[in-house]
Amino acid sequence: MAHVWLILTFFLKLLFESCGGEKTADSLKLDIPRLTRKYLPCTGNLTCVVMCSVSGVKQAQLSWFNGSTIYTSLNISDSNNKVYIGVDYQDKNNYSCVVSSSGFNQWTNLDIHSLCQSCSGTNLTKVDVNEGQSVTLPANLTNDQDEVLWLYEGNNLIASLTNGSESYHDCKDGRFKNRLQLDITTGSLTIHIIRNIHSGQFNVKIIKSFRVFDCQIYKVTVHPYLPTPIITRNSSKCSTSNISKCDVTCSEVNVTHASLSWYHENSLISITSVFRLNSTNISLCLEVEYQDPNNYSCVANNSFTNSTAQLHINELCKDQHNNLRYLGFLVLLLVPAILCLIYCLRKNCQRDARRGQTAVSITAAQENDTSGGQQQTSGTAAQEDVCASGQGTPGNDATEETSLIIQPPSSQESIPLNTLCCSK
């Protein structure tokens, strides 16, 4: 019966005012109820919680109506002058908050679409940013009295600006802790050192006189950080047997969706890519001539940005090139020396062979001389016997012969190595 009485009172009030009746002092003291959306920070609640409050009234009744049906009611006191209601986003706009005192009423109708619904997709702006950078989402606040609400992924309140006073609300996982900053003049929101977990939809609502004045959606995509490629030399994955060329490797570490490419000036030479959910390493090899100009570059690319590293052949391949030059110079010095050594050894062997033949000839001649001496000695002895038989004992006329013995030179005679090439 209470709600019937309130409705009858309301119609009587309208009839009285239409007939030129005057408002009483009590009706003038009743303020219009104020409707405020109560956001639950980072909870993703699907219910829109609306608070109805009134000030300057000590003895009154504050009620929520759904059409002509009373939903909830309370008696206003100094410590309790607020009443809440939870509605679905798809509900019709048939809710109203009524304050009644001494038979007089003031009310405010709830516009669910304006106060509860998220921003529509007509004002969608896509924002791409690299991980680790900072991004600013504009709000374009025009009136200092306007209220600015920043919502993340639907209705999760993360920041608000009311009458120049800012406040921040972090999610349970702490993803926005110490990263948000509001501009109290424009209402713009800055996210510092953004990470991949911050990707998503950001809604900004500018509310004036308890209604939506402006609404903007930002679809933020955070791309993985893409560092400058690293170029190294002589990778074990790319080394070849061709020592006349320099092997270089371009690599990236901890990437998920990226590609690597080698360019010669503006011409693509080779490319490789990786598309994985988990970060991994990627590399690409290249074989260049030492005399090539420095017109090679390695480019790392993802769907948002790219990073380039220039190949400096003169610096990266300098040591290896010099080693090859020293090796060639050493070969040029060693080849003549080795040939000279072989020639001298052959000449030495030929000389030893000739000396051996000479020694054999001398030995044969000595053996012949020895045989002739023995025969001569035998003849002399026979003569001495004859003489002895005829003349008696011989005297001191016997002569002694000495033979000259010549030793052949040894075939293992040592010859100094430094005289091999100088022997004639």
Protein backbone atom coordinates (compact mmCIF):
# COMPACT_ATOMS: atom_id res chain seq x y z
CA MET A 1 0.00 0.00 0.00
CA ALA A 2 2.95 2.32 0.54
CA HIS A 3 3.84 2.50 -3.14
CA VAL A 4 0.20 3.10 -4.05
CA TRP A 5 0.14 6.02 -1.68
CA LEU A 6 3.34 7.43 -3.21
CA ILE A 7 1.92 7.19 -6.72
CA LEU A 8 -1.35 8.90 -5.65
CA THR A 9 0.63 11.61 -3.94
CA PHE A 10 2.66 12.13 -7.06
CA PHE A 11 -0.40 12.58 -9.29
CA LEU A 12 -2.06 14.90 -6.77
CA LYS A 13 1.08 17.00 -6.77
CA LEU A 14 1.01 17.26 -10.55
CA LEU A 15 -2.65 18.19 -10.49
CA PHE A 16 -2.07 20.83 -7.86
CA GLU A 17 0.79 22.43 -9.79
CA SER A 18 -1.17 22.38 -13.05
CA CYS A 19 -4.04 24.22 -11.37
CA GLY A 20 -1.77 27.03 -10.26
CA GLY A 21 -1.23 25.85 -6.74
CA GLU A 22 1.82 27.03 -4.85
CA LYS A 23 4.58 24.79 -3.55
CA THR A 24 4.88 24.50 0.14
CA ALA A 25 8.05 25.19 2.05
CA ASP A 26 8.53 21.48 2.65
CA SER A 27 8.58 20.70 -1.06
CA LEU A 28 11.14 23.39 -1.68
CA LYS A 29 13.44 21.74 0.84
CA LEU A 30 13.48 18.41 -1.06
CA ASP A 31 16.48 18.11 -3.33
CA ILE A 32 16.36 16.05 -6.51
CA PRO A 33 17.90 12.59 -5.88
CA ARG A 34 21.31 12.12 -7.39
CA LEU A 35 22.15 8.95 -9.32
CA THR A 36 25.76 7.77 -9.39
CA ARG A 37 27.28 4.68 -10.97
CA LYS A 38 29.30 2.67 -8.49
CA TYR A 39 32.16 0.87 -10.22
CA LEU A 40 33.82 -2.15 -8.73
CA PRO A 41 37.51 -1.88 -9.63
CA CYS A 42 38.80 -4.69 -11.90
CA THR A 43 36.11 -7.22 -11.00
CA GLY A 44 34.35 -7.51 -14.35
CA ASN A 45 30.94 -7.43 -12.60
CA LEU A 46 28.09 -7.81 -15.11
CA THR A 47 25.66 -5.91 -12.85
CA CYS A 48 25.35 -2.16 -12.93
CA VAL A 49 25.24 -0.84 -9.37
CA VAL A 50 23.56 2.58 -9.08
CA MET A 51 23.52 4.66 -5.93
CA CYS A 52 20.69 7.12 -5.21
CA SER A 53 21.47 9.80 -2.64
CA VAL A 54 19.94 13.03 -1.37
CA SER A 55 21.31 15.80 0.80
CA GLY A 56 19.74 18.43 3.02
CA VAL A 57 16.89 16.19 4.14
CA LYS A 58 16.65 14.83 7.69
CA GLN A 59 13.25 13.20 7.78
CA ALA A 60 12.29 11.59 4.49
CA GLN A 61 11.99 8.30 2.71
CA LEU A 62 14.28 7.30 -0.16
CA SER A 63 13.02 4.58 -2.50
CA TRP A 64 13.79 2.81 -5.76
CA PHE A 65 10.86 2.07 -8.04
CA ASN A 66 10.68 -0.34 -10.97
CA GLY A 67 7.76 1.15 -12.83
CA SER A 68 5.01 1.45 -10.22
CA THR A 69 6.52 -1.28 -8.04
CA ILE A 70 8.68 -0.30 -5.14
CA TYR A 71 12.05 -2.09 -5.28
CA THR A 72 13.74 -0.97 -2.07
CA SER A 73 13.26 1.81 0.46
CA LEU A 74 14.86 3.31 3.57
CA ASN A 75 14.26 6.08 6.04
CA ILE A 76 16.82 8.84 5.66
CA SER A 77 18.95 9.76 8.63
CA ASP A 78 22.09 11.79 9.16
CA SER A 79 24.25 8.68 8.79
CA ASN A 80 22.30 6.90 6.08
CA ASN A 81 21.09 8.81 3.03
CA LYS A 82 21.99 6.42 0.21
CA VAL A 83 20.09 3.57 -1.38
CA TYR A 84 21.51 1.15 -3.97
CA ILE A 85 20.09 -0.90 -6.79
CA GLY A 86 21.63 -3.42 -9.13
CA VAL A 87 20.33 -3.62 -12.69
CA ASP A 88 21.25 -5.53 -15.81
CA TYR A 89 22.70 -3.67 -18.77
CA GLN A 90 19.84 -4.91 -20.96
CA ASP A 91 17.08 -3.68 -18.63
CA LYS A 92 14.60 -1.08 -19.78
CA ASN A 93 14.69 2.47 -18.51
CA ASN A 94 11.77 2.04 -16.07
CA TYR A 95 13.67 2.63 -12.84
CA SER A 96 13.32 5.80 -10.76
CA CYS A 97 14.54 7.01 -7.39
CA VAL A 98 12.00 8.95 -5.28
CA VAL A 99 12.45 10.98 -2.11
CA SER A 100 9.26 11.62 -0.09
CA SER A 101 8.69 13.91 2.85
CA SER A 102 5.44 15.23 4.35
CA GLY A 103 3.45 14.12 1.34
CA PHE A 104 5.76 15.75 -1.20
CA ASN A 105 8.07 13.93 -3.63
CA GLN A 106 11.13 14.50 -5.81
CA TRP A 107 12.39 11.85 -8.24
CA THR A 108 15.03 11.07 -10.88
CA ASN A 109 14.64 8.54 -13.67
CA LEU A 110 17.48 6.13 -14.36
CA ASP A 111 18.89 6.09 -17.90
CA ILE A 112 20.57 2.69 -17.98
CA HIS A 113 22.09 3.19 -21.41
CA SER A 114 23.77 6.43 -20.42
CA LEU A 115 24.88 5.44 -16.96
CA CYS A 116 25.50 1.70 -17.24
CA GLN A 117 26.15 0.67 -20.81
CA SER A 118 29.71 0.51 -22.13
CA CYS A 119 30.81 2.71 -24.97
CA SER A 120 29.66 1.73 -28.43
CA GLY A 121 32.10 0.69 -31.12
CA THR A 122 31.45 3.69 -33.36
CA ASN A 123 34.23 5.73 -31.72
CA LEU A 124 36.85 2.97 -31.81
CA THR A 125 40.49 4.00 -32.15
CA LYS A 126 43.25 1.41 -32.57
CA VAL A 127 46.51 2.05 -30.77
CA ASP A 128 49.70 0.03 -31.42
CA VAL A 129 52.66 0.32 -29.10
CA ASN A 130 55.90 -1.55 -28.46
CA GLU A 131 56.37 -3.32 -25.15
CA GLY A 132 58.32 -1.19 -22.69
CA GLN A 133 57.18 2.14 -24.12
CA SER A 134 54.63 4.60 -22.70
CA VAL A 135 51.32 5.45 -24.36
CA THR A 136 48.85 8.29 -23.74
CA LEU A 137 45.12 7.86 -24.41
CA PRO A 138 43.41 11.27 -24.85
CA ALA A 139 40.11 12.15 -23.16
CA ASN A 140 39.65 15.72 -24.49
CA LEU A 141 38.11 17.06 -21.31
CA THR A 142 36.56 20.50 -21.87
CA ASN A 143 35.03 21.37 -18.48
CA ASP A 144 36.72 21.18 -15.12
CA GLN A 145 33.42 20.11 -13.54
CA ASP A 146 33.07 17.07 -15.77
CA GLU A 147 33.75 13.62 -14.36
CA VAL A 148 36.15 11.38 -16.26
CA LEU A 149 36.01 7.60 -15.86
CA TRP A 150 38.57 5.23 -17.38
CA LEU A 151 37.38 1.63 -17.74
CA TYR A 152 39.39 -1.42 -18.75
CA GLU A 153 37.95 -4.46 -20.54
CA GLY A 154 34.32 -3.51 -20.06
CA ASN A 155 33.42 -2.00 -16.71
CA ASN A 156 36.58 -2.36 -14.65
CA LEU A 157 37.29 1.09 -13.26
CA ILE A 158 41.03 1.80 -13.23
CA ALA A 159 41.15 5.62 -12.94
CA SER A 160 38.77 8.51 -12.34
CA LEU A 161 38.91 12.29 -12.20
CA THR A 162 36.21 14.17 -10.25
CA ASN A 163 36.36 17.90 -9.56
CA GLY A 164 40.09 17.92 -10.21
CA SER A 165 40.72 15.03 -7.81
CA GLU A 166 42.26 11.92 -9.31
CA SER A 167 42.08 8.36 -8.07
CA TYR A 168 43.45 5.03 -9.29
CA HIS A 169 42.22 1.48 -8.86
CA ASP A 170 44.51 -1.46 -9.47
CA CYS A 171 43.43 -4.94 -10.48
CA LYS A 172 43.99 -7.90 -8.19
CA ASP A 173 46.96 -9.11 -10.27
CA GLY A 174 48.65 -5.71 -9.90
CA ARG A 175 49.04 -5.15 -13.63
CA PHE A 176 48.46 -1.38 -13.41
CA LYS A 177 50.35 -0.74 -10.18
CA ASN A 178 52.34 2.52 -10.38
CA ARG A 179 51.82 2.66 -14.17
CA LEU A 180 48.82 4.99 -14.56
CA GLN A 181 48.89 8.78 -14.65
CA LEU A 182 45.96 11.15 -15.27
CA ASP A 183 46.27 14.63 -16.68
CA ILE A 184 43.99 16.70 -14.43
CA THR A 185 43.57 19.31 -17.19
CA THR A 186 42.64 17.11 -20.16
CA GLY A 187 41.68 13.87 -18.40
CA SER A 188 44.06 11.90 -20.64
CA LEU A 189 45.45 8.63 -19.29
CA THR A 190 49.12 7.66 -19.64
CA ILE A 191 50.26 4.06 -19.17
CA HIS A 192 53.97 3.86 -18.36
CA ILE A 193 56.25 0.93 -19.30
CA ILE A 194 53.41 -0.92 -20.94
CA ARG A 195 53.47 -4.73 -21.12
CA ASN A 196 51.71 -7.38 -23.14
CA ILE A 197 49.22 -8.01 -20.30
CA HIS A 198 47.93 -4.44 -20.76
CA SER A 199 46.58 -5.16 -24.23
CA GLY A 200 42.82 -4.76 -24.45
CA GLN A 201 39.99 -2.25 -24.63
CA PHE A 202 40.06 1.03 -22.71
CA ASN A 203 36.86 3.09 -22.44
CA VAL A 204 36.74 6.69 -21.34
CA LYS A 205 33.47 8.28 -20.20
CA ILE A 206 33.06 11.98 -19.65
CA ILE A 207 29.98 12.56 -17.49
CA LYS A 208 28.28 15.91 -17.07
CA SER A 209 25.15 16.54 -14.99
CA PHE A 210 24.93 12.81 -14.25
CA ARG A 211 24.67 11.81 -17.89
CA VAL A 212 27.18 10.59 -20.47
CA PHE A 213 28.60 13.56 -22.29
CA ASP A 214 31.19 11.76 -24.38
CA CYS A 215 32.44 8.22 -24.84
CA GLN A 216 35.56 6.93 -26.57
CA ILE A 217 37.03 3.44 -27.07
CA TYR A 218 40.73 2.65 -27.48
CA LYS A 219 41.78 -0.79 -28.65
CA VAL A 220 45.37 -1.09 -27.43
CA THR A 221 47.68 -3.74 -28.87
CA VAL A 222 51.06 -4.19 -27.21
CA HIS A 223 53.65 -5.70 -29.54
CA PRO A 224 56.70 -7.55 -28.21
CA TYR A 225 59.84 -5.45 -27.95
CA LEU A 226 62.02 -5.90 -31.02
CA PRO A 227 65.69 -5.15 -30.30
CA THR A 228 68.31 -4.38 -32.92
CA PRO A 229 69.60 -7.60 -34.58
CA ILE A 230 73.03 -8.85 -33.55
CA ILE A 231 75.53 -9.69 -36.33
CA THR A 232 78.36 -12.08 -35.46
CA ARG A 233 81.04 -13.96 -37.43
CA ASN A 234 81.88 -17.65 -37.81
CA SER A 235 78.80 -19.17 -36.23
CA SER A 236 78.98 -22.93 -35.79
CA LYS A 237 75.64 -23.20 -37.57
CA CYS A 238 76.82 -21.35 -40.64
CA SER A 239 80.53 -22.04 -41.07
CA THR A 240 81.56 -23.57 -44.40
CA SER A 241 84.76 -25.01 -45.82
CA ASN A 242 85.26 -22.05 -48.11
CA ILE A 243 88.04 -20.16 -46.35
CA SER A 244 88.09 -17.47 -49.02
CA LYS A 245 84.72 -16.11 -47.79
CA CYS A 246 83.50 -14.66 -44.52
CA ASP A 247 80.52 -16.33 -42.78
CA VAL A 248 78.31 -13.99 -40.72
CA THR A 249 75.14 -14.62 -38.71
CA CYS A 250 72.26 -12.28 -37.88
CA SER A 251 70.27 -13.27 -34.79
CA GLU A 252 67.43 -12.18 -32.48
CA VAL A 253 66.71 -13.56 -29.01
CA ASN A 254 63.44 -13.98 -27.11
CA VAL A 255 61.03 -13.21 -29.95
CA THR A 256 57.59 -14.72 -30.59
CA HIS A 257 56.29 -13.32 -33.88
CA ALA A 258 59.12 -11.92 -35.98
CA SER A 259 61.18 -12.42 -39.12
CA LEU A 260 64.83 -11.88 -40.08
CA SER A 261 65.97 -10.83 -43.55
CA TRP A 262 69.30 -10.17 -45.27
CA TYR A 263 69.31 -7.34 -47.80
CA HIS A 264 71.93 -6.36 -50.37
CA GLU A 265 71.15 -2.68 -50.74
CA ASN A 266 67.37 -2.87 -51.42
CA SER A 267 67.31 -6.44 -52.74
CA LEU A 268 66.12 -9.27 -50.50
CA ILE A 269 68.67 -12.11 -50.28
CA SER A 270 67.16 -14.48 -47.70
CA ILE A 271 64.48 -14.51 -45.00
CA THR A 272 63.40 -16.64 -42.07
CA SER A 273 60.54 -16.20 -39.59
CA VAL A 274 59.14 -17.58 -36.35
CA PHE A 275 55.55 -17.58 -35.10
CA ARG A 276 55.30 -19.08 -31.63
CA LEU A 277 53.47 -18.33 -28.42
CA ASN A 278 56.63 -18.82 -26.35
CA SER A 279 59.71 -16.73 -27.00
CA THR A 280 62.59 -18.31 -28.89
CA ASN A 281 65.81 -17.43 -30.70
CA ILE A 282 66.08 -16.97 -34.45
CA SER A 283 69.15 -16.64 -36.71
CA LEU A 284 70.00 -16.26 -40.41
CA CYS A 285 73.38 -16.89 -42.10
CA LEU A 286 75.14 -15.04 -44.91
CA GLU A 287 78.37 -15.68 -46.86
CA VAL A 288 80.17 -12.63 -48.22
CA GLU A 289 83.39 -11.82 -50.05
CA TYR A 290 86.09 -9.96 -48.16
CA GLN A 291 86.26 -7.35 -50.90
CA ASP A 292 82.48 -6.68 -50.90
CA PRO A 293 81.42 -3.14 -50.02
CA ASN A 294 79.46 -2.51 -46.81
CA ASN A 295 76.03 -2.56 -48.44
CA TYR A 296 74.51 -5.52 -46.57
CA SER A 297 71.91 -5.11 -43.82
CA CYS A 298 69.91 -7.41 -41.56
CA VAL A 299 66.30 -6.43 -40.79
CA ALA A 300 64.14 -7.77 -37.95
CA ASN A 301 60.43 -7.25 -38.49
CA ASN A 302 57.11 -7.93 -36.79
CA SER A 303 53.57 -6.83 -37.59
CA PHE A 304 54.13 -3.37 -36.10
CA THR A 305 57.75 -2.30 -36.40
CA ASN A 306 61.19 -3.26 -37.70
CA SER A 307 64.79 -2.88 -36.61
CA THR A 308 67.89 -2.80 -38.83
CA ALA A 309 71.56 -3.63 -38.28
CA GLN A 310 74.24 -2.74 -40.87
CA LEU A 311 76.97 -5.24 -41.76
CA HIS A 312 80.50 -3.77 -41.67
CA ILE A 313 82.59 -6.32 -43.54
CA ASN A 314 85.88 -4.46 -43.12
CA GLU A 315 85.53 -4.54 -39.33
CA LEU A 316 83.83 -7.89 -38.76
CA CYS A 317 85.94 -9.94 -41.20
CA LYS A 318 89.20 -7.99 -40.89
CA ASP A 319 91.12 -10.46 -38.69
CA GLN A 320 90.21 -13.48 -40.75
CA HIS A 321 91.11 -11.70 -43.98
CA ASN A 322 94.51 -10.74 -42.59
CA ASN A 323 95.10 -14.31 -41.46
CA LEU A 324 94.48 -15.56 -44.96
CA ARG A 325 96.88 -12.96 -46.32
CA TYR A 326 99.56 -14.00 -43.82
CA LEU A 327 98.97 -17.65 -44.68
CA GLY A 328 99.40 -16.94 -48.40
CA PHE A 329 102.58 -14.95 -47.73
CA LEU A 330 103.95 -17.80 -45.62
CA VAL A 331 103.20 -20.31 -48.34
CA LEU A 332 105.07 -18.15 -50.86
CA LEU A 333 108.11 -18.20 -48.59
CA LEU A 334 108.02 -21.88 -47.70
CA VAL A 335 107.55 -23.32 -51.20
CA PRO A 336 110.91 -22.08 -52.60
CA ALA A 337 112.70 -23.15 -49.41
CA ILE A 338 111.19 -26.65 -49.59
CA LEU A 339 112.10 -26.96 -53.28
CA CYS A 340 115.64 -25.81 -52.57
CA LEU A 341 115.95 -28.33 -49.74
CA ILE A 342 114.73 -31.17 -51.93
CA TYR A 343 117.17 -30.18 -54.69
CA CYS A 344 120.12 -30.01 -52.31
CA LEU A 345 119.27 -33.35 -50.75
CA ARG A 346 119.16 -34.97 -54.16
CA LYS A 347 122.53 -33.43 -55.08
CA ASN A 348 123.99 -34.63 -51.78
CA CYS A 349 122.74 -38.16 -52.42
CA GLN A 350 124.25 -38.14 -55.89
CA ARG A 351 127.62 -36.97 -54.50
CA ASP A 352 127.60 -39.66 -51.83
CA ALA A 353 126.89 -42.22 -54.52
CA ARG A 354 129.90 -41.06 -56.55
CA ARG A 355 132.14 -41.20 -53.46
CA GLY A 356 131.01 -44.72 -52.80
CA GLN A 357 131.88 -45.82 -56.31
CA THR A 358 135.37 -44.26 -55.93
CA ALA A 359 135.96 -46.08 -52.65
CA VAL A 360 135.02 -49.41 -54.23
CA SER A 361 137.49 -48.85 -57.08
CA ILE A 362 140.35 -48.04 -54.67
CA THR A 363 139.62 -51.10 -52.54
CA ALA A 364 139.71 -53.37 -55.60
CA ALA A 365 143.04 -51.89 -56.68
CA GLN A 366 144.47 -52.39 -53.18
CA GLU A 367 143.47 -56.02 -53.19
CA ASN A 368 145.23 -56.50 -56.54
CA ASP A 369 148.44 -54.87 -55.19
CA THR A 370 148.45 -57.15 -52.16
CA SER A 371 148.23 -60.31 -54.28
CA GLY A 372 151.18 -59.19 -56.43
CA GLY A 373 153.35 -58.52 -53.34
CA GLN A 374 152.76 -61.96 -51.94
CA GLN A 375 153.90 -63.58 -55.21
CA GLN A 376 157.05 -61.41 -55.26
CA THR A 377 157.87 -62.41 -51.68
CA SER A 378 157.59 -66.09 -52.54
CA GLY A 379 160.00 -65.69 -55.46
CA THR A 380 162.52 -63.88 -53.27
CA ALA A 381 162.36 -66.60 -50.65
CA ALA A 382 163.07 -69.25 -53.25
CA GLN A 383 166.01 -67.22 -54.52
CA GLU A 384 167.31 -66.84 -51.01
CA ASP A 385 167.12 -70.60 -50.57
CA VAL A 386 169.11 -71.12 -53.73
CA CYS A 387 171.60 -68.53 -52.64
CA ALA A 388 171.83 -70.13 -49.24
CA SER A 389 172.48 -73.47 -50.70
CA GLY A 390 175.09 -72.04 -52.93
CA GLN A 391 176.60 -69.31 -50.88
CA GLY A 392 175.72 -70.03 -47.30
CA THR A 393 173.76 -67.78 -44.87
CA PRO A 394 172.47 -64.62 -46.32
CA GLY A 395 173.54 -61.36 -45.02
CA ASN A 396 171.55 -58.14 -44.34
CA ASP A 397 170.65 -57.54 -47.94
CA ALA A 398 166.98 -58.60 -47.49
CA THR A 399 164.58 -55.73 -48.09
CA GLU A 400 161.14 -55.04 -46.59
CA GLU A 401 158.18 -53.75 -48.61
CA THR A 402 155.34 -51.71 -47.05
CA SER A 403 151.91 -51.46 -48.69
CA LEU A 404 149.81 -48.24 -48.72
CA ILE A 405 146.31 -48.87 -47.43
CA ILE A 406 143.67 -46.21 -48.40
CA GLN A 407 140.45 -46.24 -46.34
CA PRO A 408 137.28 -45.41 -48.29
CA PRO A 409 135.30 -42.47 -47.01
CA SER A 410 132.22 -43.31 -44.98
CA SER A 411 128.92 -43.05 -46.83
CA GLN A 412 127.37 -41.63 -43.62
CA GLU A 413 129.56 -38.55 -43.53
CA SER A 414 127.57 -35.68 -41.95
CA ILE A 415 127.23 -32.48 -43.94
CA PRO A 416 125.95 -29.27 -42.34
CA LEU A 417 122.44 -28.35 -43.52
CA ASN A 418 123.42 -24.78 -44.15
CA THR A 419 125.94 -25.88 -46.75
CA LEU A 420 123.54 -28.10 -48.72
CA CYS A 421 122.44 -25.36 -51.06
CA CYS A 422 125.98 -24.01 -51.33
CA SER A 423 127.86 -27.24 -52.22
CA LYS A 424 129.35 -27.43 -55.66
